[in-house]
Amino acid sequence: MKPVAKSSPAGNPLDADTRSCIEQIIQPMTGLPGALLPILHAIQDAFGHVPAASVPLIANALNLSRAEVHGVISFYHDFRSTQPGRHVLKLCRAEACQAMGARALEAQLVSRLGIGFHETTADGSITLEPVYCLGNCACAPSAMLDDKVHGRLTLQRLDALIDGCGKAS
């Protein structure tokens, strides 16, 4: 059963419930070969990100240094160290999407949302992230909104996706 997680602001100490939740995630996986990645994925699934204060717990349980754990979190682009917005929009930046107009979509997003990649709108509604292939090349340009891939995007279709998130112009 997946633990119900409450978020702890990045860098803040974990409250007892959050700490217990993280320990419940870590403990059954410590014996797995290559346990670090499954643990990080499970923590991110529970919290939406990997809280910085969880790094020492993970490192201690796996007999790793904090730097090793942090290095893995920062190496893989899918791990977040801060809470994402209510919606996550990933814009494909691979060659096929670039050739079909993804740069214009990027400019539209930056202009309309007022943020760049790896940032969240001030109201917390949308986090914008780059991705380097969604496997939807035949329908380029593509983006993923909340785990659903959208292809053959135009500026108008992109605006409609943003509007569907409740983000005003």
C-alpha atoms as a PDB file:
ATOM      1  CA  MET A   1       0.000   0.000   0.000  1.00  0.00           C
ATOM      2  CA  LYS A   2       1.344   3.420  -0.974  1.00  0.00           C
ATOM      3  CA  PRO A   3       1.871   5.708   2.043  1.00  0.00           C
ATOM      4  CA  VAL A   4      -0.037   8.948   2.123  1.00  0.00           C
ATOM      5  CA  ALA A   5       2.527  11.718   2.103  1.00  0.00           C
ATOM      6  CA  LYS A   6       2.468  15.288   3.253  1.00  0.00           C
ATOM      7  CA  SER A   7       4.960  17.633   1.674  1.00  0.00           C
ATOM      8  CA  SER A   8       7.840  19.130   3.604  1.00  0.00           C
ATOM      9  CA  PRO A   9       9.410  22.269   2.160  1.00  0.00           C
ATOM     10  CA  ALA A  10      12.810  21.539   0.653  1.00  0.00           C
ATOM     11  CA  GLY A  11      15.629  21.977   3.121  1.00  0.00           C
ATOM     12  CA  ASN A  12      13.375  21.951   6.179  1.00  0.00           C
ATOM     13  CA  PRO A  13      13.627  19.188   8.759  1.00  0.00           C
ATOM     14  CA  LEU A  14      11.101  16.409   8.332  1.00  0.00           C
ATOM     15  CA  ASP A  15       8.184  16.233  10.728  1.00  0.00           C
ATOM     16  CA  ALA A  16       7.631  12.890  12.455  1.00  0.00           C
ATOM     17  CA  ASP A  17       4.873  11.754  10.056  1.00  0.00           C
ATOM     18  CA  THR A  18       6.889  12.595   6.948  1.00  0.00           C
ATOM     19  CA  ARG A  19       9.993  10.939   8.366  1.00  0.00           C
ATOM     20  CA  SER A  20       7.983   7.826   9.190  1.00  0.00           C
ATOM     21  CA  CYS A  21       6.494   7.747   5.692  1.00  0.00           C
ATOM     22  CA  ILE A  22       9.947   7.979   4.101  1.00  0.00           C
ATOM     23  CA  GLU A  23      11.311   5.270   6.391  1.00  0.00           C
ATOM     24  CA  GLN A  24       8.353   3.030   5.414  1.00  0.00           C
ATOM     25  CA  ILE A  25       9.287   3.532   1.778  1.00  0.00           C
ATOM     26  CA  ILE A  26      13.014   2.909   2.288  1.00  0.00           C
ATOM     27  CA  GLN A  27      12.979  -0.060   4.658  1.00  0.00           C
ATOM     28  CA  PRO A  28      11.450  -2.775   2.448  1.00  0.00           C
ATOM     29  CA  MET A  29      13.688  -1.848  -0.497  1.00  0.00           C
ATOM     30  CA  THR A  30      17.101  -1.743   1.193  1.00  0.00           C
ATOM     31  CA  GLY A  31      17.864  -5.351   0.238  1.00  0.00           C
ATOM     32  CA  LEU A  32      17.149  -4.869  -3.453  1.00  0.00           C
ATOM     33  CA  PRO A  33      20.101  -4.796  -5.834  1.00  0.00           C
ATOM     34  CA  GLY A  34      20.444  -1.187  -6.983  1.00  0.00           C
ATOM     35  CA  ALA A  35      17.929  -0.054  -4.369  1.00  0.00           C
ATOM     36  CA  LEU A  36      18.680   3.655  -4.697  1.00  0.00           C
ATOM     37  CA  LEU A  37      16.696   4.276  -7.881  1.00  0.00           C
ATOM     38  CA  PRO A  38      13.558   2.390  -6.771  1.00  0.00           C
ATOM     39  CA  ILE A  39      13.671   4.225  -3.428  1.00  0.00           C
ATOM     40  CA  LEU A  40      14.018   7.623  -5.094  1.00  0.00           C
ATOM     41  CA  HIS A  41      11.150   6.845  -7.488  1.00  0.00           C
ATOM     42  CA  ALA A  42       8.918   5.686  -4.623  1.00  0.00           C
ATOM     43  CA  ILE A  43       9.651   8.797  -2.547  1.00  0.00           C
ATOM     44  CA  GLN A  44       8.971  11.049  -5.520  1.00  0.00           C
ATOM     45  CA  ASP A  45       5.738   9.168  -6.240  1.00  0.00           C
ATOM     46  CA  ALA A  46       4.641   9.765  -2.650  1.00  0.00           C
ATOM     47  CA  PHE A  47       5.696  13.418  -2.326  1.00  0.00           C
ATOM     48  CA  GLY A  48       5.922  14.748  -5.879  1.00  0.00           C
ATOM     49  CA  HIS A  49       9.631  15.354  -5.303  1.00  0.00           C
ATOM     50  CA  VAL A  50      12.541  14.010  -3.251  1.00  0.00           C
ATOM     51  CA  PRO A  51      12.737  16.248  -0.171  1.00  0.00           C
ATOM     52  CA  ALA A  52      16.301  17.333   0.599  1.00  0.00           C
ATOM     53  CA  ALA A  53      15.822  16.242   4.192  1.00  0.00           C
ATOM     54  CA  SER A  54      15.247  12.659   2.999  1.00  0.00           C
ATOM     55  CA  VAL A  55      18.753  12.382   1.529  1.00  0.00           C
ATOM     56  CA  PRO A  56      20.470  11.566   4.864  1.00  0.00           C
ATOM     57  CA  LEU A  57      17.853   8.895   5.612  1.00  0.00           C
ATOM     58  CA  ILE A  58      18.397   7.262   2.237  1.00  0.00           C
ATOM     59  CA  ALA A  59      22.190   7.515   2.482  1.00  0.00           C
ATOM     60  CA  ASN A  60      22.224   5.973   5.956  1.00  0.00           C
ATOM     61  CA  ALA A  61      19.913   3.108   4.990  1.00  0.00           C
ATOM     62  CA  LEU A  62      21.989   2.215   1.918  1.00  0.00           C
ATOM     63  CA  ASN A  63      25.417   2.914   3.434  1.00  0.00           C
ATOM     64  CA  LEU A  64      26.089   5.628   0.858  1.00  0.00           C
ATOM     65  CA  SER A  65      27.333   9.161   1.270  1.00  0.00           C
ATOM     66  CA  ARG A  66      24.895  12.041   1.035  1.00  0.00           C
ATOM     67  CA  ALA A  67      26.874  13.239  -1.975  1.00  0.00           C
ATOM     68  CA  GLU A  68      26.291   9.926  -3.774  1.00  0.00           C
ATOM     69  CA  VAL A  69      22.529  10.142  -3.210  1.00  0.00           C
ATOM     70  CA  HIS A  70      22.417  13.801  -4.194  1.00  0.00           C
ATOM     71  CA  GLY A  71      24.510  13.021  -7.282  1.00  0.00           C
ATOM     72  CA  VAL A  72      21.948  10.503  -8.502  1.00  0.00           C
ATOM     73  CA  ILE A  73      19.043  12.882  -7.814  1.00  0.00           C
ATOM     74  CA  SER A  74      20.726  15.692  -9.715  1.00  0.00           C
ATOM     75  CA  PHE A  75      21.942  13.462 -12.580  1.00  0.00           C
ATOM     76  CA  TYR A  76      18.546  12.096 -13.615  1.00  0.00           C
ATOM     77  CA  HIS A  77      16.268  14.801 -14.999  1.00  0.00           C
ATOM     78  CA  ASP A  78      13.091  13.041 -13.835  1.00  0.00           C
ATOM     79  CA  PHE A  79      13.919  13.523 -10.155  1.00  0.00           C
ATOM     80  CA  ARG A  80      12.849  16.805  -8.577  1.00  0.00           C
ATOM     81  CA  SER A  81      14.166  18.333  -5.374  1.00  0.00           C
ATOM     82  CA  THR A  82      11.279  20.797  -5.096  1.00  0.00           C
ATOM     83  CA  GLN A  83       7.525  20.392  -5.222  1.00  0.00           C
ATOM     84  CA  PRO A  84       6.196  20.738  -8.801  1.00  0.00           C
ATOM     85  CA  GLY A  85       3.168  22.768  -9.810  1.00  0.00           C
ATOM     86  CA  ARG A  86      -0.299  21.254  -9.928  1.00  0.00           C
ATOM     87  CA  HIS A  87       0.373  20.425 -13.593  1.00  0.00           C
ATOM     88  CA  VAL A  88       3.678  19.411 -15.181  1.00  0.00           C
ATOM     89  CA  LEU A  89       4.156  20.324 -18.840  1.00  0.00           C
ATOM     90  CA  LYS A  90       7.109  18.665 -20.554  1.00  0.00           C
ATOM     91  CA  LEU A  91       8.005  20.065 -23.960  1.00  0.00           C
ATOM     92  CA  CYS A  92       9.977  17.782 -26.280  1.00  0.00           C
ATOM     93  CA  ARG A  93      13.252  19.327 -27.406  1.00  0.00           C
ATOM     94  CA  ALA A  94      14.512  16.429 -29.544  1.00  0.00           C
ATOM     95  CA  GLU A  95      15.482  16.934 -33.184  1.00  0.00           C
ATOM     96  CA  ALA A  96      12.196  15.854 -34.790  1.00  0.00           C
ATOM     97  CA  CYS A  97      10.169  18.209 -32.597  1.00  0.00           C
ATOM     98  CA  GLN A  98      12.668  21.032 -33.121  1.00  0.00           C
ATOM     99  CA  ALA A  99      12.390  20.567 -36.884  1.00  0.00           C
ATOM    100  CA  MET A 100       8.601  20.765 -36.675  1.00  0.00           C
ATOM    101  CA  GLY A 101       8.360  23.973 -34.620  1.00  0.00           C
ATOM    102  CA  ALA A 102       9.044  23.192 -30.970  1.00  0.00           C
ATOM    103  CA  ARG A 103      11.151  26.357 -30.582  1.00  0.00           C
ATOM    104  CA  ALA A 104       8.110  28.498 -31.393  1.00  0.00           C
ATOM    105  CA  LEU A 105       6.124  26.520 -28.810  1.00  0.00           C
ATOM    106  CA  GLU A 106       8.882  27.101 -26.262  1.00  0.00           C
ATOM    107  CA  ALA A 107       8.854  30.846 -26.950  1.00  0.00           C
ATOM    108  CA  GLN A 108       5.061  30.878 -26.568  1.00  0.00           C
ATOM    109  CA  LEU A 109       5.267  29.056 -23.234  1.00  0.00           C
ATOM    110  CA  VAL A 110       8.006  31.296 -21.853  1.00  0.00           C
ATOM    111  CA  SER A 111       6.096  34.397 -22.897  1.00  0.00           C
ATOM    112  CA  ARG A 112       2.684  33.286 -21.704  1.00  0.00           C
ATOM    113  CA  LEU A 113       3.687  31.593 -18.462  1.00  0.00           C
ATOM    114  CA  GLY A 114       6.491  33.978 -17.545  1.00  0.00           C
ATOM    115  CA  ILE A 115       8.807  31.115 -16.627  1.00  0.00           C
ATOM    116  CA  GLY A 116      11.594  29.077 -18.170  1.00  0.00           C
ATOM    117  CA  PHE A 117      12.406  25.390 -18.031  1.00  0.00           C
ATOM    118  CA  HIS A 118      12.649  23.892 -14.522  1.00  0.00           C
ATOM    119  CA  GLU A 119      10.460  26.672 -13.122  1.00  0.00           C
ATOM    120  CA  THR A 120       6.916  26.879 -11.774  1.00  0.00           C
ATOM    121  CA  THR A 121       4.432  29.683 -12.312  1.00  0.00           C
ATOM    122  CA  ALA A 122       3.977  32.044  -9.373  1.00  0.00           C
ATOM    123  CA  ASP A 123       0.486  30.682  -8.726  1.00  0.00           C
ATOM    124  CA  GLY A 124       1.830  27.108  -8.595  1.00  0.00           C
ATOM    125  CA  SER A 125      -0.321  25.930 -11.481  1.00  0.00           C
ATOM    126  CA  ILE A 126       2.279  24.777 -14.045  1.00  0.00           C
ATOM    127  CA  THR A 127       5.851  23.506 -13.926  1.00  0.00           C
ATOM    128  CA  LEU A 128       7.646  23.626 -17.282  1.00  0.00           C
ATOM    129  CA  GLU A 129      10.256  20.976 -18.015  1.00  0.00           C
ATOM    130  CA  PRO A 130      12.278  20.005 -21.078  1.00  0.00           C
ATOM    131  CA  VAL A 131      12.288  16.413 -22.245  1.00  0.00           C
ATOM    132  CA  TYR A 132      14.508  15.001 -24.957  1.00  0.00           C
ATOM    133  CA  CYS A 133      12.157  12.551 -26.636  1.00  0.00           C
ATOM    134  CA  LEU A 134       8.638  11.425 -25.943  1.00  0.00           C
ATOM    135  CA  GLY A 135       8.749   8.725 -28.615  1.00  0.00           C
ATOM    136  CA  ASN A 136       6.104  10.589 -30.590  1.00  0.00           C
ATOM    137  CA  CYS A 137       8.348  11.778 -33.419  1.00  0.00           C
ATOM    138  CA  ALA A 138       5.843  11.016 -36.194  1.00  0.00           C
ATOM    139  CA  CYS A 139       3.441  13.465 -34.540  1.00  0.00           C
ATOM    140  CA  ALA A 140       5.965  16.213 -33.788  1.00  0.00           C
ATOM    141  CA  PRO A 141       6.048  18.642 -32.146  1.00  0.00           C
ATOM    142  CA  SER A 142       4.931  16.981 -28.937  1.00  0.00           C
ATOM    143  CA  ALA A 143       4.512  17.705 -25.271  1.00  0.00           C
ATOM    144  CA  MET A 144       3.389  15.768 -22.234  1.00  0.00           C
ATOM    145  CA  LEU A 145       0.912  17.294 -19.811  1.00  0.00           C
ATOM    146  CA  ASP A 146       0.422  15.377 -16.586  1.00  0.00           C
ATOM    147  CA  ASP A 147       1.633  12.104 -18.130  1.00  0.00           C
ATOM    148  CA  LYS A 148      -0.522  12.404 -21.281  1.00  0.00           C
ATOM    149  CA  VAL A 149       1.299  12.906 -24.582  1.00  0.00           C
ATOM    150  CA  HIS A 150      -0.072  15.491 -27.028  1.00  0.00           C
ATOM    151  CA  GLY A 151       1.225  15.534 -30.599  1.00  0.00           C
ATOM    152  CA  ARG A 152       1.013  17.738 -33.674  1.00  0.00           C
ATOM    153  CA  LEU A 153       0.946  20.770 -31.417  1.00  0.00           C
ATOM    154  CA  THR A 154       0.319  24.204 -32.806  1.00  0.00           C
ATOM    155  CA  LEU A 155       0.427  27.479 -30.911  1.00  0.00           C
ATOM    156  CA  GLN A 156      -3.370  27.330 -30.643  1.00  0.00           C
ATOM    157  CA  ARG A 157      -3.432  23.736 -29.360  1.00  0.00           C
ATOM    158  CA  LEU A 158      -0.738  24.608 -26.850  1.00  0.00           C
ATOM    159  CA  ASP A 159      -2.809  27.561 -25.614  1.00  0.00           C
ATOM    160  CA  ALA A 160      -5.790  25.231 -25.229  1.00  0.00           C
ATOM    161  CA  LEU A 161      -3.699  22.854 -23.089  1.00  0.00           C
ATOM    162  CA  ILE A 162      -2.627  25.729 -20.860  1.00  0.00           C
ATOM    163  CA  ASP A 163      -6.204  27.006 -20.645  1.00  0.00           C
ATOM    164  CA  GLY A 164      -7.251  23.525 -19.547  1.00  0.00           C
ATOM    165  CA  CYS A 165      -4.889  23.852 -16.593  1.00  0.00           C
ATOM    166  CA  GLY A 166      -6.768  26.889 -15.375  1.00  0.00           C
ATOM    167  CA  LYS A 167      -3.872  29.211 -16.243  1.00  0.00           C
ATOM    168  CA  ALA A 168      -5.089  32.588 -17.437  1.00  0.00           C
ATOM    169  CA  SER A 169      -3.239  34.501 -20.153  1.00  0.00           C
END
